[in-house]
Amino acid sequence: MQHAGNGTTVDLTPYVYLGAYPSKLVDALDLALTHGTMPAEMKSIITTAVQNVNEGGNLRKVQKGAYLILTSGYYNVWH
Protein backbone atom coordinates (compact mmCIF):
# COMPACT_ATOMS: atom_id res chain seq x y z
CA MET A 1 0.00 0.00 0.00
CA GLN A 2 1.10 3.51 -0.62
CA HIS A 3 -0.34 6.76 0.57
CA ALA A 4 -1.56 9.19 -2.07
CA GLY A 5 -2.87 12.49 -0.79
CA ASN A 6 -5.90 12.02 1.40
CA GLY A 7 -6.40 8.34 0.64
CA THR A 8 -4.66 5.04 0.29
CA THR A 9 -4.13 3.10 -2.90
CA VAL A 10 -3.70 -0.64 -3.06
CA ASP A 11 -1.69 -2.28 -5.83
CA LEU A 12 -3.77 -5.29 -6.86
CA THR A 13 -1.71 -6.21 -9.93
CA PRO A 14 0.02 -9.17 -8.22
CA TYR A 15 -3.42 -10.81 -7.87
CA VAL A 16 -4.85 -10.14 -11.35
CA TYR A 17 -3.76 -13.50 -12.79
CA LEU A 18 -5.68 -15.22 -9.97
CA GLY A 19 -8.93 -13.65 -11.15
CA ALA A 20 -9.31 -16.66 -13.44
CA TYR A 21 -9.29 -18.91 -10.35
CA PRO A 22 -11.74 -17.37 -7.85
CA SER A 23 -11.12 -19.80 -4.99
CA LYS A 24 -7.35 -19.38 -5.31
CA LEU A 25 -7.81 -15.62 -5.48
CA VAL A 26 -9.85 -15.59 -2.28
CA ASP A 27 -7.28 -17.86 -0.59
CA ALA A 28 -4.50 -15.42 -1.57
CA LEU A 29 -6.47 -12.40 -0.38
CA ASP A 30 -7.30 -14.24 2.84
CA LEU A 31 -3.62 -14.86 3.45
CA ALA A 32 -2.66 -11.26 2.67
CA LEU A 33 -5.51 -9.48 4.44
CA THR A 34 -6.64 -11.72 7.29
CA HIS A 35 -3.51 -13.83 7.79
CA GLY A 36 -5.32 -16.97 6.65
CA THR A 37 -7.98 -16.79 9.37
CA MET A 38 -11.08 -16.06 7.28
CA PRO A 39 -13.99 -18.36 8.19
CA ALA A 40 -14.90 -20.96 5.55
CA GLU A 41 -18.43 -19.59 5.14
CA MET A 42 -17.11 -16.09 4.43
CA LYS A 43 -14.63 -17.48 1.90
CA SER A 44 -17.43 -19.36 0.17
CA ILE A 45 -19.62 -16.26 -0.07
CA ILE A 46 -16.79 -14.11 -1.42
CA THR A 47 -15.73 -16.80 -3.90
CA THR A 48 -19.29 -16.95 -5.25
CA ALA A 49 -19.41 -13.16 -5.55
CA VAL A 50 -16.10 -13.14 -7.44
CA GLN A 51 -17.30 -15.92 -9.76
CA ASN A 52 -20.39 -13.86 -10.58
CA VAL A 53 -18.43 -10.84 -11.82
CA ASN A 54 -19.23 -10.71 -15.54
CA GLU A 55 -17.64 -7.45 -16.66
CA GLY A 56 -14.22 -5.91 -16.21
CA GLY A 57 -12.13 -9.06 -16.43
CA ASN A 58 -9.77 -10.39 -13.81
CA LEU A 59 -8.95 -6.98 -12.33
CA ARG A 60 -12.61 -6.40 -11.54
CA LYS A 61 -12.79 -9.81 -9.85
CA VAL A 62 -9.80 -8.92 -7.67
CA GLN A 63 -11.32 -5.54 -6.83
CA LYS A 64 -14.60 -7.19 -5.83
CA GLY A 65 -12.88 -9.76 -3.61
CA ALA A 66 -10.63 -7.19 -1.95
CA TYR A 67 -13.54 -4.79 -1.42
CA LEU A 68 -15.70 -7.45 0.21
CA ILE A 69 -12.91 -8.45 2.58
CA LEU A 70 -11.69 -4.94 3.39
CA THR A 71 -15.17 -3.65 4.19
CA SER A 72 -16.23 -6.68 6.22
CA GLY A 73 -16.68 -6.53 9.96
CA TYR A 74 -14.35 -9.51 10.19
CA TYR A 75 -11.45 -7.60 8.62
CA ASN A 76 -12.14 -4.49 10.64
CA VAL A 77 -12.07 -6.38 13.94
CA TRP A 78 -8.62 -7.78 13.13
CA HIS A 79 -7.22 -4.46 11.97
PDB file of N, CA and C in Angstrom:
ATOM      1  N   MET A   1       0.843  -1.172   0.000  1.00  0.00           N
ATOM      2  CA  MET A   1       0.000   0.000   0.000  1.00  0.00           C
ATOM      3  C   MET A   1       0.886   1.231   0.000  1.00  0.00           C
ATOM      4  N   GLN A   2       0.395   2.247  -0.653  1.00  0.00           N
ATOM      5  CA  GLN A   2       1.097   3.509  -0.622  1.00  0.00           C
ATOM      6  C   GLN A   2       0.091   4.620  -0.380  1.00  0.00           C
ATOM      7  N   HIS A   3       0.550   5.649   0.264  1.00  0.00           N
ATOM      8  CA  HIS A   3      -0.336   6.759   0.573  1.00  0.00           C
ATOM      9  C   HIS A   3      -0.297   7.761  -0.569  1.00  0.00           C
ATOM     10  N   ALA A   4      -1.452   8.225  -0.983  1.00  0.00           N
ATOM     11  CA  ALA A   4      -1.565   9.195  -2.073  1.00  0.00           C
ATOM     12  C   ALA A   4      -2.532  10.287  -1.645  1.00  0.00           C
ATOM     13  N   GLY A   5      -2.006  11.389  -1.209  1.00  0.00           N
ATOM     14  CA  GLY A   5      -2.866  12.491  -0.795  1.00  0.00           C
ATOM     15  C   GLY A   5      -3.696  12.118   0.410  1.00  0.00           C
ATOM     16  N   ASN A   6      -4.994  12.269   0.292  1.00  0.00           N
ATOM     17  CA  ASN A   6      -5.898  12.021   1.404  1.00  0.00           C
ATOM     18  C   ASN A   6      -6.360  10.579   1.508  1.00  0.00           C
ATOM     19  N   GLY A   7      -5.924   9.717   0.621  1.00  0.00           N
ATOM     20  CA  GLY A   7      -6.403   8.343   0.636  1.00  0.00           C
ATOM     21  C   GLY A   7      -5.259   7.347   0.552  1.00  0.00           C
ATOM     22  N   THR A   8      -5.632   6.121   0.413  1.00  0.00           N
ATOM     23  CA  THR A   8      -4.655   5.045   0.287  1.00  0.00           C
ATOM     24  C   THR A   8      -4.964   4.283  -0.989  1.00  0.00           C
ATOM     25  N   THR A   9      -3.936   3.930  -1.722  1.00  0.00           N
ATOM     26  CA  THR A   9      -4.131   3.104  -2.904  1.00  0.00           C
ATOM     27  C   THR A   9      -3.548   1.726  -2.628  1.00  0.00           C
ATOM     28  N   VAL A  10      -4.149   0.737  -3.235  1.00  0.00           N
ATOM     29  CA  VAL A  10      -3.704  -0.637  -3.060  1.00  0.00           C
ATOM     30  C   VAL A  10      -3.335  -1.190  -4.429  1.00  0.00           C
ATOM     31  N   ASP A  11      -2.138  -1.695  -4.566  1.00  0.00           N
ATOM     32  CA  ASP A  11      -1.688  -2.279  -5.827  1.00  0.00           C
ATOM     33  C   ASP A  11      -2.183  -3.724  -5.894  1.00  0.00           C
ATOM     34  N   LEU A  12      -3.170  -3.965  -6.724  1.00  0.00           N
ATOM     35  CA  LEU A  12      -3.768  -5.293  -6.859  1.00  0.00           C
ATOM     36  C   LEU A  12      -3.172  -6.100  -8.006  1.00  0.00           C
ATOM     37  N   THR A  13      -2.241  -5.517  -8.754  1.00  0.00           N
ATOM     38  CA  THR A  13      -1.708  -6.207  -9.929  1.00  0.00           C
ATOM     39  C   THR A  13      -1.107  -7.586  -9.634  1.00  0.00           C
ATOM     40  N   PRO A  14      -0.510  -7.825  -8.462  1.00  0.00           N
ATOM     41  CA  PRO A  14       0.017  -9.173  -8.219  1.00  0.00           C
ATOM     42  C   PRO A  14      -1.069 -10.253  -8.155  1.00  0.00           C
ATOM     43  N   TYR A  15      -2.320  -9.849  -8.007  1.00  0.00           N
ATOM     44  CA  TYR A  15      -3.417 -10.806  -7.871  1.00  0.00           C
ATOM     45  C   TYR A  15      -4.238 -10.982  -9.148  1.00  0.00           C
ATOM     46  N   VAL A  16      -4.001 -10.150 -10.151  1.00  0.00           N
ATOM     47  CA  VAL A  16      -4.846 -10.145 -11.348  1.00  0.00           C
ATOM     48  C   VAL A  16      -4.888 -11.507 -12.022  1.00  0.00           C
ATOM     49  N   TYR A  17      -3.765 -12.188 -12.125  1.00  0.00           N
ATOM     50  CA  TYR A  17      -3.757 -13.497 -12.789  1.00  0.00           C
ATOM     51  C   TYR A  17      -4.645 -14.506 -12.052  1.00  0.00           C
ATOM     52  N   LEU A  18      -4.846 -14.305 -10.750  1.00  0.00           N
ATOM     53  CA  LEU A  18      -5.681 -15.219  -9.968  1.00  0.00           C
ATOM     54  C   LEU A  18      -7.176 -14.988 -10.186  1.00  0.00           C
ATOM     55  N   GLY A  19      -7.520 -13.908 -10.868  1.00  0.00           N
ATOM     56  CA  GLY A  19      -8.930 -13.652 -11.152  1.00  0.00           C
ATOM     57  C   GLY A  19      -9.583 -14.779 -11.937  1.00  0.00           C
ATOM     58  N   ALA A  20      -8.786 -15.519 -12.680  1.00  0.00           N
ATOM     59  CA  ALA A  20      -9.307 -16.661 -13.445  1.00  0.00           C
ATOM     60  C   ALA A  20      -9.594 -17.862 -12.549  1.00  0.00           C
ATOM     61  N   TYR A  21      -9.140 -17.807 -11.312  1.00  0.00           N
ATOM     62  CA  TYR A  21      -9.294 -18.906 -10.351  1.00  0.00           C
ATOM     63  C   TYR A  21      -9.860 -18.345  -9.048  1.00  0.00           C
ATOM     64  N   PRO A  22     -11.160 -18.072  -9.000  1.00  0.00           N
ATOM     65  CA  PRO A  22     -11.744 -17.370  -7.854  1.00  0.00           C
ATOM     66  C   PRO A  22     -11.410 -17.947  -6.477  1.00  0.00           C
ATOM     67  N   SER A  23     -11.416 -19.257  -6.321  1.00  0.00           N
ATOM     68  CA  SER A  23     -11.119 -19.798  -4.987  1.00  0.00           C
ATOM     69  C   SER A  23      -9.654 -19.572  -4.613  1.00  0.00           C
ATOM     70  N   LYS A  24      -8.762 -19.665  -5.586  1.00  0.00           N
ATOM     71  CA  LYS A  24      -7.345 -19.380  -5.312  1.00  0.00           C
ATOM     72  C   LYS A  24      -7.146 -17.898  -5.023  1.00  0.00           C
ATOM     73  N   LEU A  25      -7.884 -17.054  -5.726  1.00  0.00           N
ATOM     74  CA  LEU A  25      -7.808 -15.622  -5.476  1.00  0.00           C
ATOM     75  C   LEU A  25      -8.236 -15.313  -4.051  1.00  0.00           C
ATOM     76  N   VAL A  26      -9.364 -15.857  -3.637  1.00  0.00           N
ATOM     77  CA  VAL A  26      -9.854 -15.592  -2.278  1.00  0.00           C
ATOM     78  C   VAL A  26      -8.886 -16.159  -1.244  1.00  0.00           C
ATOM     79  N   ASP A  27      -8.298 -17.308  -1.504  1.00  0.00           N
ATOM     80  CA  ASP A  27      -7.282 -17.857  -0.592  1.00  0.00           C
ATOM     81  C   ASP A  27      -6.098 -16.902  -0.464  1.00  0.00           C
ATOM     82  N   ALA A  28      -5.645 -16.343  -1.588  1.00  0.00           N
ATOM     83  CA  ALA A  28      -4.503 -15.417  -1.566  1.00  0.00           C
ATOM     84  C   ALA A  28      -4.856 -14.127  -0.838  1.00  0.00           C
ATOM     85  N   LEU A  29      -6.051 -13.604  -1.080  1.00  0.00           N
ATOM     86  CA  LEU A  29      -6.475 -12.395  -0.377  1.00  0.00           C
ATOM     87  C   LEU A  29      -6.666 -12.663   1.113  1.00  0.00           C
ATOM     88  N   ASP A  30      -7.161 -13.840   1.436  1.00  0.00           N
ATOM     89  CA  ASP A  30      -7.301 -14.240   2.836  1.00  0.00           C
ATOM     90  C   ASP A  30      -5.937 -14.227   3.527  1.00  0.00           C
ATOM     91  N   LEU A  31      -4.979 -14.810   2.878  1.00  0.00           N
ATOM     92  CA  LEU A  31      -3.623 -14.858   3.453  1.00  0.00           C
ATOM     93  C   LEU A  31      -3.052 -13.451   3.639  1.00  0.00           C
ATOM     94  N   ALA A  32      -3.234 -12.614   2.624  1.00  0.00           N
ATOM     95  CA  ALA A  32      -2.657 -11.264   2.673  1.00  0.00           C
ATOM     96  C   ALA A  32      -3.402 -10.332   3.627  1.00  0.00           C
ATOM     97  N   LEU A  33      -4.714 -10.462   3.697  1.00  0.00           N
ATOM     98  CA  LEU A  33      -5.507  -9.478   4.440  1.00  0.00           C
ATOM     99  C   LEU A  33      -5.977  -9.941   5.806  1.00  0.00           C
ATOM    100  N   THR A  34      -6.167 -11.239   5.996  1.00  0.00           N
ATOM    101  CA  THR A  34      -6.638 -11.723   7.293  1.00  0.00           C
ATOM    102  C   THR A  34      -5.721 -12.810   7.853  1.00  0.00           C
ATOM    103  N   HIS A  35      -4.529 -12.894   7.308  1.00  0.00           N
ATOM    104  CA  HIS A  35      -3.511 -13.831   7.789  1.00  0.00           C
ATOM    105  C   HIS A  35      -3.983 -15.277   7.780  1.00  0.00           C
ATOM    106  N   GLY A  36      -4.852 -15.600   6.799  1.00  0.00           N
ATOM    107  CA  GLY A  36      -5.318 -16.970   6.655  1.00  0.00           C
ATOM    108  C   GLY A  36      -6.342 -17.405   7.685  1.00  0.00           C
ATOM    109  N   THR A  37      -7.035 -16.449   8.294  1.00  0.00           N
ATOM    110  CA  THR A  37      -7.981 -16.787   9.366  1.00  0.00           C
ATOM    111  C   THR A  37      -9.447 -16.601   8.972  1.00  0.00           C
ATOM    112  N   MET A  38      -9.707 -16.305   7.704  1.00  0.00           N
ATOM    113  CA  MET A  38     -11.084 -16.058   7.279  1.00  0.00           C
ATOM    114  C   MET A  38     -11.928 -17.323   7.454  1.00  0.00           C
ATOM    115  N   PRO A  39     -13.114 -17.196   8.032  1.00  0.00           N
ATOM    116  CA  PRO A  39     -13.992 -18.359   8.188  1.00  0.00           C
ATOM    117  C   PRO A  39     -14.393 -18.946   6.825  1.00  0.00           C
ATOM    118  N   ALA A  40     -14.577 -20.260   6.793  1.00  0.00           N
ATOM    119  CA  ALA A  40     -14.900 -20.962   5.548  1.00  0.00           C
ATOM    120  C   ALA A  40     -16.170 -20.414   4.901  1.00  0.00           C
ATOM    121  N   GLU A  41     -17.182 -20.101   5.696  1.00  0.00           N
ATOM    122  CA  GLU A  41     -18.432 -19.589   5.138  1.00  0.00           C
ATOM    123  C   GLU A  41     -18.220 -18.246   4.439  1.00  0.00           C
ATOM    124  N   MET A  42     -17.413 -17.387   5.038  1.00  0.00           N
ATOM    125  CA  MET A  42     -17.111 -16.090   4.431  1.00  0.00           C
ATOM    126  C   MET A  42     -16.354 -16.285   3.121  1.00  0.00           C
ATOM    127  N   LYS A  43     -15.391 -17.198   3.127  1.00  0.00           N
ATOM    128  CA  LYS A  43     -14.630 -17.482   1.902  1.00  0.00           C
ATOM    129  C   LYS A  43     -15.554 -17.977   0.796  1.00  0.00           C
ATOM    130  N   SER A  44     -16.489 -18.823   1.149  1.00  0.00           N
ATOM    131  CA  SER A  44     -17.426 -19.358   0.167  1.00  0.00           C
ATOM    132  C   SER A  44     -18.291 -18.253  -0.431  1.00  0.00           C
ATOM    133  N   ILE A  45     -18.780 -17.368   0.390  1.00  0.00           N
ATOM    134  CA  ILE A  45     -19.622 -16.263  -0.072  1.00  0.00           C
ATOM    135  C   ILE A  45     -18.840 -15.337  -0.995  1.00  0.00           C
ATOM    136  N   ILE A  46     -17.611 -15.006  -0.604  1.00  0.00           N
ATOM    137  CA  ILE A  46     -16.793 -14.107  -1.420  1.00  0.00           C
ATOM    138  C   ILE A  46     -16.390 -14.786  -2.725  1.00  0.00           C
ATOM    139  N   THR A  47     -16.073 -16.069  -2.678  1.00  0.00           N
ATOM    140  CA  THR A  47     -15.731 -16.801  -3.896  1.00  0.00           C
ATOM    141  C   THR A  47     -16.895 -16.779  -4.877  1.00  0.00           C
ATOM    142  N   THR A  48     -18.100 -16.999  -4.383  1.00  0.00           N
ATOM    143  CA  THR A  48     -19.290 -16.954  -5.245  1.00  0.00           C
ATOM    144  C   THR A  48     -19.467 -15.568  -5.844  1.00  0.00           C
ATOM    145  N   ALA A  49     -19.283 -14.532  -5.054  1.00  0.00           N
ATOM    146  CA  ALA A  49     -19.411 -13.160  -5.554  1.00  0.00           C
ATOM    147  C   ALA A  49     -18.382 -12.874  -6.642  1.00  0.00           C
ATOM    148  N   VAL A  50     -17.159 -13.340  -6.442  1.00  0.00           N
ATOM    149  CA  VAL A  50     -16.102 -13.143  -7.440  1.00  0.00           C
ATOM    150  C   VAL A  50     -16.433 -13.910  -8.715  1.00  0.00           C
ATOM    151  N   GLN A  51     -16.929 -15.117  -8.593  1.00  0.00           N
ATOM    152  CA  GLN A  51     -17.298 -15.923  -9.763  1.00  0.00           C
ATOM    153  C   GLN A  51     -18.401 -15.252 -10.570  1.00  0.00           C
ATOM    154  N   ASN A  52     -19.255 -14.499  -9.919  1.00  0.00           N
ATOM    155  CA  ASN A  52     -20.393 -13.863 -10.579  1.00  0.00           C
ATOM    156  C   ASN A  52     -20.078 -12.515 -11.216  1.00  0.00           C
ATOM    157  N   VAL A  53     -18.827 -12.073 -11.148  1.00  0.00           N
ATOM    158  CA  VAL A  53     -18.430 -10.838 -11.823  1.00  0.00           C
ATOM    159  C   VAL A  53     -18.352 -11.137 -13.318  1.00  0.00           C
ATOM    160  N   ASN A  54     -19.154 -10.427 -14.108  1.00  0.00           N
ATOM    161  CA  ASN A  54     -19.230 -10.706 -15.539  1.00  0.00           C
ATOM    162  C   ASN A  54     -18.553  -9.664 -16.419  1.00  0.00           C
ATOM    163  N   GLU A  55     -18.250  -8.516 -15.874  1.00  0.00           N
ATOM    164  CA  GLU A  55     -17.636  -7.447 -16.655  1.00  0.00           C
ATOM    165  C   GLU A  55     -16.369  -6.959 -15.970  1.00  0.00           C
ATOM    166  N   GLY A  56     -15.424  -6.514 -16.761  1.00  0.00           N
ATOM    167  CA  GLY A  56     -14.216  -5.913 -16.211  1.00  0.00           C
ATOM    168  C   GLY A  56     -13.043  -6.859 -16.081  1.00  0.00           C
ATOM    169  N   GLY A  57     -13.230  -8.113 -16.424  1.00  0.00           N
ATOM    170  CA  GLY A  57     -12.133  -9.061 -16.425  1.00  0.00           C
ATOM    171  C   GLY A  57     -11.600  -9.402 -15.049  1.00  0.00           C
ATOM    172  N   ASN A  58     -10.384  -9.918 -15.050  1.00  0.00           N
ATOM    173  CA  ASN A  58      -9.767 -10.387 -13.808  1.00  0.00           C
ATOM    174  C   ASN A  58      -9.535  -9.271 -12.795  1.00  0.00           C
ATOM    175  N   LEU A  59      -9.175  -8.080 -13.273  1.00  0.00           N
ATOM    176  CA  LEU A  59      -8.951  -6.979 -12.330  1.00  0.00           C
ATOM    177  C   LEU A  59     -10.220  -6.677 -11.552  1.00  0.00           C
ATOM    178  N   ARG A  60     -11.341  -6.674 -12.220  1.00  0.00           N
ATOM    179  CA  ARG A  60     -12.615  -6.396 -11.537  1.00  0.00           C
ATOM    180  C   ARG A  60     -12.927  -7.477 -10.507  1.00  0.00           C
ATOM    181  N   LYS A  61     -12.583  -8.722 -10.806  1.00  0.00           N
ATOM    182  CA  LYS A  61     -12.791  -9.810  -9.846  1.00  0.00           C
ATOM    183  C   LYS A  61     -11.936  -9.597  -8.599  1.00  0.00           C
ATOM    184  N   VAL A  62     -10.702  -9.184  -8.805  1.00  0.00           N
ATOM    185  CA  VAL A  62      -9.804  -8.915  -7.670  1.00  0.00           C
ATOM    186  C   VAL A  62     -10.334  -7.745  -6.851  1.00  0.00           C
ATOM    187  N   GLN A  63     -10.771  -6.694  -7.534  1.00  0.00           N
ATOM    188  CA  GLN A  63     -11.319  -5.536  -6.832  1.00  0.00           C
ATOM    189  C   GLN A  63     -12.532  -5.930  -5.991  1.00  0.00           C
ATOM    190  N   LYS A  64     -13.394  -6.740  -6.550  1.00  0.00           N
ATOM    191  CA  LYS A  64     -14.599  -7.189  -5.831  1.00  0.00           C
ATOM    192  C   LYS A  64     -14.211  -7.984  -4.587  1.00  0.00           C
ATOM    193  N   GLY A  65     -13.314  -8.953  -4.748  1.00  0.00           N
ATOM    194  CA  GLY A  65     -12.877  -9.762  -3.612  1.00  0.00           C
ATOM    195  C   GLY A  65     -12.221  -8.929  -2.527  1.00  0.00           C
ATOM    196  N   ALA A  66     -11.322  -8.044  -2.924  1.00  0.00           N
ATOM    197  CA  ALA A  66     -10.634  -7.192  -1.951  1.00  0.00           C
ATOM    198  C   ALA A  66     -11.620  -6.268  -1.245  1.00  0.00           C
ATOM    199  N   TYR A  67     -12.539  -5.687  -2.005  1.00  0.00           N
ATOM    200  CA  TYR A  67     -13.536  -4.794  -1.419  1.00  0.00           C
ATOM    201  C   TYR A  67     -14.379  -5.521  -0.372  1.00  0.00           C
ATOM    202  N   LEU A  68     -14.847  -6.709  -0.725  1.00  0.00           N
ATOM    203  CA  LEU A  68     -15.698  -7.448   0.210  1.00  0.00           C
ATOM    204  C   LEU A  68     -14.961  -7.816   1.494  1.00  0.00           C
ATOM    205  N   ILE A  69     -13.691  -8.125   1.382  1.00  0.00           N
ATOM    206  CA  ILE A  69     -12.906  -8.452   2.579  1.00  0.00           C
ATOM    207  C   ILE A  69     -12.605  -7.188   3.381  1.00  0.00           C
ATOM    208  N   LEU A  70     -12.117  -6.152   2.696  1.00  0.00           N
ATOM    209  CA  LEU A  70     -11.687  -4.941   3.394  1.00  0.00           C
ATOM    210  C   LEU A  70     -12.820  -4.179   4.057  1.00  0.00           C
ATOM    211  N   THR A  71     -14.040  -4.354   3.576  1.00  0.00           N
ATOM    212  CA  THR A  71     -15.174  -3.653   4.187  1.00  0.00           C
ATOM    213  C   THR A  71     -15.965  -4.544   5.144  1.00  0.00           C
ATOM    214  N   SER A  72     -15.511  -5.763   5.328  1.00  0.00           N
ATOM    215  CA  SER A  72     -16.226  -6.676   6.223  1.00  0.00           C
ATOM    216  C   SER A  72     -15.938  -6.355   7.686  1.00  0.00           C
ATOM    217  N   GLY A  73     -16.885  -6.674   8.523  1.00  0.00           N
ATOM    218  CA  GLY A  73     -16.680  -6.530   9.956  1.00  0.00           C
ATOM    219  C   GLY A  73     -15.555  -7.429  10.442  1.00  0.00           C
ATOM    220  N   TYR A  74     -15.411  -8.575   9.809  1.00  0.00           N
ATOM    221  CA  TYR A  74     -14.354  -9.511  10.192  1.00  0.00           C
ATOM    222  C   TYR A  74     -12.980  -8.878  10.020  1.00  0.00           C
ATOM    223  N   TYR A  75     -12.740  -8.264   8.876  1.00  0.00           N
ATOM    224  CA  TYR A  75     -11.449  -7.602   8.621  1.00  0.00           C
ATOM    225  C   TYR A  75     -11.246  -6.448   9.596  1.00  0.00           C
ATOM    226  N   ASN A  76     -12.277  -5.659   9.798  1.00  0.00           N
ATOM    227  CA  ASN A  76     -12.143  -4.485  10.638  1.00  0.00           C
ATOM    228  C   ASN A  76     -11.899  -4.825  12.103  1.00  0.00           C
ATOM    229  N   VAL A  77     -12.360  -5.953  12.566  1.00  0.00           N
ATOM    230  CA  VAL A  77     -12.072  -6.376  13.941  1.00  0.00           C
ATOM    231  C   VAL A  77     -10.599  -6.727  14.084  1.00  0.00           C
ATOM    232  N   TRP A  78     -10.027  -7.369  13.065  1.00  0.00           N
ATOM    233  CA  TRP A  78      -8.621  -7.784  13.130  1.00  0.00           C
ATOM    234  C   TRP A  78      -7.666  -6.621  12.932  1.00  0.00           C
ATOM    235  N   HIS A  79      -8.115  -5.561  12.273  1.00  0.00           N
ATOM    236  CA  HIS A  79      -7.215  -4.459  11.974  1.00  0.00           C
ATOM    237  C   HIS A  79      -7.721  -3.229  12.643  1.00  0.00           C
TER     238      HIS A  79
END
